[in-house]
Amino acid sequence: QMDPDDLPGLLDPVVNGEIDYSKGNRLFTGNAWNLIPKVRYLGNSFLSLLTKIASGYWHVADSQTGYTVINLRALELIDIDRIYKRYGMPNDMLVKLNIFNLKVRDIPIKPVYNVGEKSGINIRKLVPKLSWLLLKCFLYRMKEKYIIRDFHPLIFFYTFGGIFNLMTMVLFIRLFYKWFTDGHIPPMNALAAMFSFMAAAQFTLFAMWFDMEANKDLK
């Protein structure tokens, strides 16, 4: 599924010392929607969004590509033996690279499909499994990068965002329960749910913005 003609584009920025890790991006091409099977395209796009949040590399996409180049410095910094061994390996790799503030760049590559390959990947089973992996990777990156190695206040914003998100879920569940059982919505419940939702959104979005700013030079 990889075109050998794309390899020089992946190698050059790493060999020239511009970045530490290059990865192909099949979604950049304007014809990707027509070339990539629809379920895989949508699954890849969803996992790419989650990987942006988990890894801190907000500028990358096509997180599941295996067409990559890495330099010796990056290999020496990360513990390659502890990288996730299965389909989530590219996602886990990005998280580990970000912890060490290594530069990563997306390189447009041509999607190659329908040339006789047969994939055993079940996207419907894979997406929930990798989503759980990415949540664990996200929490690990927060701890390692923003608490242990160099403290950053975005930890507070993500923490309060998570707390208010949980409160929002509980309050909306209670709101709909009261609506279905009593036939009306308690005003205080509705007010509390909306306040909690707005607080969760603000804390989470500010945390993401801080994370983007902290990693904006890693490309």
Protein backbone atom coordinates (compact mmCIF):
# COMPACT_ATOMS: atom_id res chain seq x y z
CA GLN A 1 0.00 0.00 0.00
CA MET A 2 3.01 2.30 -0.28
CA ASP A 3 4.54 3.81 -3.42
CA PRO A 4 8.39 3.51 -3.46
CA ASP A 5 8.54 6.81 -5.36
CA ASP A 6 7.39 8.58 -2.17
CA LEU A 7 10.38 7.34 -0.12
CA PRO A 8 12.81 10.19 -1.03
CA GLY A 9 10.28 12.74 0.22
CA LEU A 10 10.16 10.95 3.57
CA LEU A 11 13.93 10.50 3.82
CA ASP A 12 15.18 13.96 2.82
CA PRO A 13 13.93 16.09 5.76
CA VAL A 14 15.19 13.51 8.28
CA VAL A 15 18.58 13.01 6.60
CA ASN A 16 19.01 16.79 6.31
CA GLY A 17 18.39 17.20 10.05
CA GLU A 18 15.24 19.29 9.66
CA ILE A 19 13.07 16.90 11.68
CA ASP A 20 13.36 13.72 13.74
CA TYR A 21 10.47 11.71 12.30
CA SER A 22 8.61 11.85 9.01
CA LYS A 23 5.39 10.03 8.24
CA GLY A 24 3.33 9.60 5.13
CA ASN A 25 -0.09 11.17 4.88
CA ARG A 26 -2.45 9.52 2.39
CA LEU A 27 -5.27 11.91 3.28
CA PHE A 28 -3.54 14.98 1.80
CA THR A 29 -4.22 13.95 -1.77
CA GLY A 30 -7.44 15.33 -3.18
CA ASN A 31 -8.33 11.90 -4.54
CA ALA A 32 -8.02 10.04 -1.21
CA TRP A 33 -11.79 9.72 -0.76
CA ASN A 34 -12.06 7.89 -4.09
CA LEU A 35 -8.98 5.68 -3.63
CA ILE A 36 -9.31 4.58 0.01
CA PRO A 37 -12.20 2.27 1.03
CA LYS A 38 -14.84 4.46 2.69
CA VAL A 39 -14.98 2.61 6.03
CA ARG A 40 -11.20 2.72 6.36
CA TYR A 41 -11.09 6.39 5.35
CA LEU A 42 -13.64 7.36 8.00
CA GLY A 43 -12.07 5.13 10.64
CA ASN A 44 -8.62 6.55 9.89
CA SER A 45 -9.93 10.12 10.04
CA PHE A 46 -11.57 9.51 13.43
CA LEU A 47 -8.44 7.89 14.86
CA SER A 48 -6.34 10.73 13.44
CA LEU A 49 -8.45 13.23 15.37
CA LEU A 50 -8.03 11.28 18.61
CA THR A 51 -4.30 10.92 17.93
CA LYS A 52 -3.93 14.69 17.58
CA ILE A 53 -5.31 15.08 21.11
CA ALA A 54 -3.41 12.13 22.57
CA SER A 55 -0.03 12.91 20.98
CA GLY A 56 0.06 16.72 20.97
CA TYR A 57 1.00 16.75 17.28
CA TRP A 58 -1.99 18.76 16.18
CA HIS A 59 -0.61 19.25 12.66
CA VAL A 60 -0.47 15.56 11.72
CA ALA A 61 -3.14 13.33 10.20
CA ASP A 62 -3.39 9.79 8.78
CA SER A 63 -2.18 8.45 12.10
CA GLN A 64 -2.36 4.81 10.96
CA THR A 65 0.20 4.98 8.17
CA GLY A 66 3.28 2.79 8.59
CA TYR A 67 5.33 4.61 5.95
CA THR A 68 7.74 6.44 8.27
CA VAL A 69 11.37 7.47 8.71
CA ILE A 70 13.05 8.08 12.10
CA ASN A 71 16.55 9.30 12.97
CA LEU A 72 19.04 7.79 15.41
CA ARG A 73 18.56 10.53 18.03
CA ALA A 74 14.85 9.76 18.32
CA LEU A 75 15.50 6.01 18.53
CA GLU A 76 17.97 6.58 21.36
CA LEU A 77 15.54 8.76 23.33
CA ILE A 78 12.43 6.60 23.16
CA ASP A 79 12.30 3.07 24.53
CA ILE A 80 11.50 1.21 21.32
CA ASP A 81 10.90 -2.04 23.21
CA ARG A 82 7.99 -0.45 25.08
CA ILE A 83 6.21 0.83 21.97
CA TYR A 84 2.82 -0.82 21.39
CA LYS A 85 3.42 -3.82 19.13
CA ARG A 86 0.18 -4.05 17.17
CA TYR A 87 -1.89 -1.78 14.92
CA GLY A 88 -1.68 1.07 17.44
CA MET A 89 2.10 1.25 17.10
CA PRO A 90 2.14 4.49 14.98
CA ASN A 91 -0.15 6.20 17.51
CA ASP A 92 1.93 5.17 20.51
CA MET A 93 5.10 6.18 18.65
CA LEU A 94 3.82 9.73 18.19
CA VAL A 95 2.99 10.02 21.89
CA LYS A 96 6.48 8.89 22.90
CA LEU A 97 8.10 11.27 20.39
CA ASN A 98 6.12 14.21 21.74
CA ILE A 99 7.22 13.57 25.32
CA PHE A 100 10.80 14.25 24.18
CA ASN A 101 9.79 17.29 22.07
CA LEU A 102 10.93 15.67 18.82
CA LYS A 103 9.98 17.24 15.50
CA VAL A 104 7.47 15.38 13.32
CA ARG A 105 6.30 16.22 9.80
CA ASP A 106 3.57 14.87 7.54
CA ILE A 107 4.65 14.12 3.97
CA PRO A 108 1.95 13.74 1.28
CA ILE A 109 2.03 10.25 -0.24
CA LYS A 110 -0.08 8.43 -2.78
CA PRO A 111 -2.70 5.98 -1.43
CA VAL A 112 -2.26 2.54 -3.01
CA TYR A 113 -5.27 0.22 -2.79
CA ASN A 114 -6.98 -2.52 -4.79
CA VAL A 115 -3.75 -4.05 -6.10
CA GLY A 116 -4.45 -7.53 -4.78
CA GLU A 117 -3.91 -6.88 -1.08
CA LYS A 118 -6.22 -8.47 1.49
CA SER A 119 -6.60 -6.80 4.86
CA GLY A 120 -7.69 -8.69 7.96
CA ILE A 121 -8.41 -5.50 9.90
CA ASN A 122 -11.92 -5.08 11.28
CA ILE A 123 -12.39 -1.31 11.59
CA ARG A 124 -15.51 -1.64 13.76
CA LYS A 125 -13.56 -3.62 16.37
CA LEU A 126 -10.32 -1.73 15.94
CA VAL A 127 -11.61 1.81 16.52
CA PRO A 128 -12.92 1.18 20.09
CA LYS A 129 -9.75 -0.74 20.98
CA LEU A 130 -7.44 2.00 19.71
CA SER A 131 -9.61 4.70 21.28
CA TRP A 132 -8.96 3.09 24.68
CA LEU A 133 -5.23 2.86 23.88
CA LEU A 134 -5.17 6.55 22.92
CA LEU A 135 -6.87 7.54 26.18
CA LYS A 136 -4.16 5.72 28.12
CA CYS A 137 -1.47 7.28 25.92
CA PHE A 138 -2.96 10.74 26.48
CA LEU A 139 -2.92 10.34 30.26
CA TYR A 140 0.64 9.00 30.12
CA ARG A 141 1.79 12.00 28.05
CA MET A 142 0.11 14.45 30.44
CA LYS A 143 1.91 12.87 33.37
CA GLU A 144 5.33 12.53 31.74
CA LYS A 145 5.49 15.80 29.80
CA TYR A 146 3.48 18.28 31.83
CA ILE A 147 3.95 17.04 35.41
CA ILE A 148 7.20 15.08 35.73
CA ARG A 149 9.46 16.65 33.10
CA ASP A 150 8.18 20.23 33.02
CA PHE A 151 5.04 21.40 34.80
CA HIS A 152 2.38 23.17 32.73
CA PRO A 153 -0.92 24.64 34.01
CA LEU A 154 -2.88 22.98 31.19
CA ILE A 155 -3.02 19.98 33.54
CA PHE A 156 -5.48 21.92 35.70
CA PHE A 157 -7.60 22.83 32.67
CA TYR A 158 -7.79 19.23 31.43
CA THR A 159 -8.53 18.02 34.98
CA PHE A 160 -11.37 20.46 35.54
CA GLY A 161 -12.61 19.81 32.01
CA GLY A 162 -12.78 16.09 32.79
CA ILE A 163 -14.56 16.67 36.10
CA PHE A 164 -17.16 18.96 34.54
CA ASN A 165 -17.64 16.52 31.64
CA LEU A 166 -18.50 13.76 34.11
CA MET A 167 -20.82 16.10 36.00
CA THR A 168 -22.50 17.06 32.72
CA MET A 169 -23.16 13.41 31.86
CA VAL A 170 -24.66 12.72 35.29
CA LEU A 171 -26.82 15.85 35.23
CA PHE A 172 -28.16 15.20 31.73
CA ILE A 173 -28.94 11.57 32.59
CA ARG A 174 -30.89 12.79 35.63
CA LEU A 175 -32.56 15.49 33.52
CA PHE A 176 -33.86 13.01 30.93
CA TYR A 177 -34.84 10.53 33.63
CA LYS A 178 -36.98 13.17 35.34
CA TRP A 179 -38.44 14.20 32.00
CA PHE A 180 -39.52 10.66 31.12
CA THR A 181 -40.74 9.69 34.61
CA ASP A 182 -42.30 12.96 35.86
CA GLY A 183 -43.15 14.61 32.55
CA HIS A 184 -41.23 17.81 33.30
CA ILE A 185 -37.65 19.05 33.62
CA PRO A 186 -36.53 20.43 37.01
CA PRO A 187 -35.32 24.02 36.34
CA MET A 188 -32.34 23.74 38.70
CA ASN A 189 -31.27 20.48 37.07
CA ALA A 190 -31.43 22.06 33.61
CA LEU A 191 -29.51 25.15 34.77
CA ALA A 192 -26.83 23.04 36.47
CA ALA A 193 -26.47 20.81 33.40
CA MET A 194 -26.00 23.79 31.07
CA PHE A 195 -23.51 25.47 33.42
CA SER A 196 -21.55 22.23 33.74
CA PHE A 197 -21.54 21.72 29.96
CA MET A 198 -20.26 25.25 29.28
CA ALA A 199 -17.58 24.94 31.97
CA ALA A 200 -16.46 21.57 30.57
CA ALA A 201 -16.24 22.97 27.04
CA GLN A 202 -14.28 26.05 28.11
CA PHE A 203 -11.79 24.19 30.30
CA THR A 204 -11.21 21.51 27.64
CA LEU A 205 -10.83 23.94 24.74
CA PHE A 206 -8.41 26.13 26.69
CA ALA A 207 -6.38 23.03 27.60
CA MET A 208 -6.20 22.04 23.93
CA TRP A 209 -5.14 25.55 22.98
CA PHE A 210 -2.35 25.51 25.59
CA ASP A 211 -1.23 22.12 24.25
CA MET A 212 -1.18 23.46 20.69
CA GLU A 213 0.94 26.42 21.77
CA ALA A 214 3.37 24.20 23.66
CA ASN A 215 3.90 21.99 20.60
CA LYS A 216 3.65 24.49 17.74
CA ASP A 217 7.39 24.37 16.99
CA LEU A 218 7.57 20.56 16.70
CA LYS A 219 7.04 20.44 12.94
